[in-house]
């Protein structure tokens, strides 16, 4: 009996924590959007950068936007917790892509100064 009660309590705690996990999606979306906004802002007025380099940075930013859009889709039309987990993963991938684009942009700018 005691084991059964403990299992029920454990299952309830797991269910509650699983549901709260799903509500973390917006936090990940916000972080990804902030990273995308930062690199987008940094790239404004970069007419002096060679077009092929600018195109590569733009490609990475476009990938980040695509990942974020897909993440939001998973979150808005979930079939279960798996879709929320995928939404978080995709949002984090979008953020990583945007951060990498920012690093690439920075390196290109450093190279131009030399």
C-alpha atoms as a PDB file:
ATOM      1  CA  UNK A   1       0.000   0.000   0.000  1.00  0.00           C
ATOM      2  CA  UNK A   2       2.756   2.432   0.973  1.00  0.00           C
ATOM      3  CA  UNK A   3       4.613   1.672  -2.269  1.00  0.00           C
ATOM      4  CA  UNK A   4       1.472   2.297  -4.310  1.00  0.00           C
ATOM      5  CA  UNK A   5       0.912   5.673  -2.634  1.00  0.00           C
ATOM      6  CA  UNK A   6       4.539   6.646  -3.264  1.00  0.00           C
ATOM      7  CA  UNK A   7       4.205   5.646  -6.926  1.00  0.00           C
ATOM      8  CA  UNK A   8       1.059   7.767  -7.294  1.00  0.00           C
ATOM      9  CA  UNK A   9       2.763  10.761  -5.682  1.00  0.00           C
ATOM     10  CA  UNK A  10       5.800  10.301  -7.926  1.00  0.00           C
ATOM     11  CA  UNK A  11       3.603  10.030 -11.037  1.00  0.00           C
ATOM     12  CA  UNK A  12       1.667  13.175 -10.057  1.00  0.00           C
ATOM     13  CA  UNK A  13       4.889  15.096  -9.452  1.00  0.00           C
ATOM     14  CA  UNK A  14       6.236  13.949 -12.817  1.00  0.00           C
ATOM     15  CA  UNK A  15       3.042  15.006 -14.564  1.00  0.00           C
ATOM     16  CA  UNK A  16       3.079  18.431 -12.939  1.00  0.00           C
ATOM     17  CA  UNK A  17       6.729  18.999 -13.783  1.00  0.00           C
ATOM     18  CA  UNK A  18       6.152  17.795 -17.359  1.00  0.00           C
ATOM     19  CA  UNK A  19       3.328  20.269 -17.856  1.00  0.00           C
ATOM     20  CA  UNK A  20       5.383  23.151 -16.495  1.00  0.00           C
ATOM     21  CA  UNK A  21       8.118  22.182 -18.966  1.00  0.00           C
ATOM     22  CA  UNK A  22       5.747  22.945 -21.826  1.00  0.00           C
ATOM     23  CA  UNK A  23       5.254  26.482 -20.606  1.00  0.00           C
ATOM     24  CA  UNK A  24       8.973  27.248 -20.910  1.00  0.00           C
ATOM     25  CA  UNK A  25       8.631  27.535 -24.680  1.00  0.00           C
ATOM     26  CA  UNK A  26       7.988  31.311 -24.741  1.00  0.00           C
ATOM     27  CA  UNK A  27      11.157  31.950 -22.749  1.00  0.00           C
ATOM     28  CA  UNK A  28      13.185  30.115 -25.401  1.00  0.00           C
ATOM     29  CA  UNK A  29      11.346  31.924 -28.205  1.00  0.00           C
ATOM     30  CA  UNK A  30      12.156  35.265 -26.617  1.00  0.00           C
ATOM     31  CA  UNK A  31      15.875  34.446 -26.300  1.00  0.00           C
ATOM     32  CA  UNK A  32      16.013  33.334 -29.935  1.00  0.00           C
ATOM     33  CA  UNK A  33      14.171  36.433 -31.139  1.00  0.00           C
ATOM     34  CA  UNK A  34      16.506  38.688 -29.153  1.00  0.00           C
ATOM     35  CA  UNK A  35      19.550  37.045 -30.758  1.00  0.00           C
ATOM     36  CA  UNK A  36      18.000  37.410 -34.216  1.00  0.00           C
ATOM     37  CA  UNK A  37      17.125  41.050 -33.543  1.00  0.00           C
ATOM     38  CA  UNK A  38      20.669  41.787 -32.357  1.00  0.00           C
ATOM     39  CA  UNK A  39      22.401  40.447 -35.452  1.00  0.00           C
ATOM     40  CA  UNK A  40      19.782  42.047 -37.707  1.00  0.00           C
ATOM     41  CA  UNK A  41      20.429  45.415 -36.061  1.00  0.00           C
ATOM     42  CA  UNK A  42      24.211  44.944 -36.220  1.00  0.00           C
ATOM     43  CA  UNK A  43      24.014  44.252 -39.949  1.00  0.00           C
ATOM     44  CA  UNK A  44      22.204  47.497 -40.784  1.00  0.00           C
ATOM     45  CA  UNK A  45      24.466  49.935 -42.547  1.00  0.00           C
ATOM     46  CA  UNK A  46      27.053  47.308 -43.422  1.00  0.00           C
ATOM     47  CA  UNK A  47      27.303  48.354 -47.053  1.00  0.00           C
ATOM     48  CA  UNK A  48      31.089  48.322 -46.852  1.00  0.00           C
ATOM     49  CA  UNK A  49      31.189  44.576 -46.235  1.00  0.00           C
ATOM     50  CA  UNK A  50      31.760  42.467 -49.372  1.00  0.00           C
ATOM     51  CA  UNK A  51      28.436  41.224 -50.733  1.00  0.00           C
ATOM     52  CA  UNK A  52      29.383  37.546 -50.615  1.00  0.00           C
ATOM     53  CA  UNK A  53      30.233  37.803 -46.910  1.00  0.00           C
ATOM     54  CA  UNK A  54      27.046  39.705 -46.167  1.00  0.00           C
ATOM     55  CA  UNK A  55      25.066  37.055 -48.061  1.00  0.00           C
ATOM     56  CA  UNK A  56      26.572  34.303 -45.883  1.00  0.00           C
ATOM     57  CA  UNK A  57      25.609  36.116 -42.690  1.00  0.00           C
ATOM     58  CA  UNK A  58      22.127  36.756 -44.085  1.00  0.00           C
ATOM     59  CA  UNK A  59      21.790  33.045 -44.883  1.00  0.00           C
ATOM     60  CA  UNK A  60      22.524  32.155 -41.272  1.00  0.00           C
ATOM     61  CA  UNK A  61      20.028  34.744 -40.016  1.00  0.00           C
ATOM     62  CA  UNK A  62      17.406  33.368 -42.414  1.00  0.00           C
ATOM     63  CA  UNK A  63      18.056  29.868 -41.069  1.00  0.00           C
ATOM     64  CA  UNK A  64      17.589  31.160 -37.530  1.00  0.00           C
ATOM     65  CA  UNK A  65      14.274  32.745 -38.488  1.00  0.00           C
ATOM     66  CA  UNK A  66      13.129  29.500 -40.100  1.00  0.00           C
ATOM     67  CA  UNK A  67      14.012  27.485 -36.988  1.00  0.00           C
ATOM     68  CA  UNK A  68      12.152  29.952 -34.786  1.00  0.00           C
ATOM     69  CA  UNK A  69       9.072  29.915 -36.998  1.00  0.00           C
ATOM     70  CA  UNK A  70       9.061  26.114 -36.893  1.00  0.00           C
ATOM     71  CA  UNK A  71       9.461  26.154 -33.110  1.00  0.00           C
ATOM     72  CA  UNK A  72       6.482  28.441 -32.688  1.00  0.00           C
ATOM     73  CA  UNK A  73       4.430  26.183 -34.964  1.00  0.00           C
ATOM     74  CA  UNK A  74       5.258  23.144 -32.797  1.00  0.00           C
ATOM     75  CA  UNK A  75       4.257  25.068 -29.693  1.00  0.00           C
ATOM     76  CA  UNK A  76       0.964  26.364 -31.081  1.00  0.00           C
ATOM     77  CA  UNK A  77      -0.212  23.033 -32.488  1.00  0.00           C
ATOM     78  CA  UNK A  78       1.176  20.489 -30.045  1.00  0.00           C
ATOM     79  CA  UNK A  79       0.188  16.849 -30.100  1.00  0.00           C
ATOM     80  CA  UNK A  80       1.735  16.420 -26.667  1.00  0.00           C
ATOM     81  CA  UNK A  81       4.767  17.191 -24.564  1.00  0.00           C
ATOM     82  CA  UNK A  82       7.054  15.897 -27.300  1.00  0.00           C
ATOM     83  CA  UNK A  83       6.056  18.826 -29.513  1.00  0.00           C
ATOM     84  CA  UNK A  84       6.834  21.278 -26.737  1.00  0.00           C
ATOM     85  CA  UNK A  85      10.242  19.651 -26.300  1.00  0.00           C
ATOM     86  CA  UNK A  86      10.826  19.960 -30.052  1.00  0.00           C
ATOM     87  CA  UNK A  87       9.721  23.601 -29.923  1.00  0.00           C
ATOM     88  CA  UNK A  88      12.310  24.309 -27.240  1.00  0.00           C
ATOM     89  CA  UNK A  89      15.002  22.462 -29.185  1.00  0.00           C
ATOM     90  CA  UNK A  90      14.204  24.370 -32.366  1.00  0.00           C
ATOM     91  CA  UNK A  91      14.116  27.710 -30.545  1.00  0.00           C
ATOM     92  CA  UNK A  92      17.503  26.967 -29.016  1.00  0.00           C
ATOM     93  CA  UNK A  93      18.811  25.997 -32.470  1.00  0.00           C
ATOM     94  CA  UNK A  94      17.492  29.319 -33.810  1.00  0.00           C
ATOM     95  CA  UNK A  95      19.290  31.182 -31.048  1.00  0.00           C
ATOM     96  CA  UNK A  96      22.498  29.267 -31.745  1.00  0.00           C
ATOM     97  CA  UNK A  97      22.253  30.015 -35.454  1.00  0.00           C
ATOM     98  CA  UNK A  98      21.761  33.726 -34.744  1.00  0.00           C
ATOM     99  CA  UNK A  99      24.676  33.796 -32.302  1.00  0.00           C
ATOM    100  CA  UNK A 100      26.897  32.048 -34.856  1.00  0.00           C
ATOM    101  CA  UNK A 101      25.833  34.586 -37.484  1.00  0.00           C
ATOM    102  CA  UNK A 102      26.790  37.356 -35.072  1.00  0.00           C
ATOM    103  CA  UNK A 103      30.208  35.793 -34.508  1.00  0.00           C
ATOM    104  CA  UNK A 104      30.740  35.376 -38.259  1.00  0.00           C
ATOM    105  CA  UNK A 105      29.703  38.977 -38.850  1.00  0.00           C
ATOM    106  CA  UNK A 106      32.116  40.169 -36.150  1.00  0.00           C
ATOM    107  CA  UNK A 107      35.005  38.155 -37.647  1.00  0.00           C
ATOM    108  CA  UNK A 108      34.333  39.547 -41.099  1.00  0.00           C
ATOM    109  CA  UNK A 109      34.337  43.059 -39.674  1.00  0.00           C
ATOM    110  CA  UNK A 110      37.650  42.413 -37.900  1.00  0.00           C
ATOM    111  CA  UNK A 111      39.145  41.107 -41.127  1.00  0.00           C
ATOM    112  CA  UNK A 112      38.092  44.283 -42.951  1.00  0.00           C
ATOM    113  CA  UNK A 113      39.881  46.486 -40.418  1.00  0.00           C
ATOM    114  CA  UNK A 114      43.237  44.829 -41.075  1.00  0.00           C
END
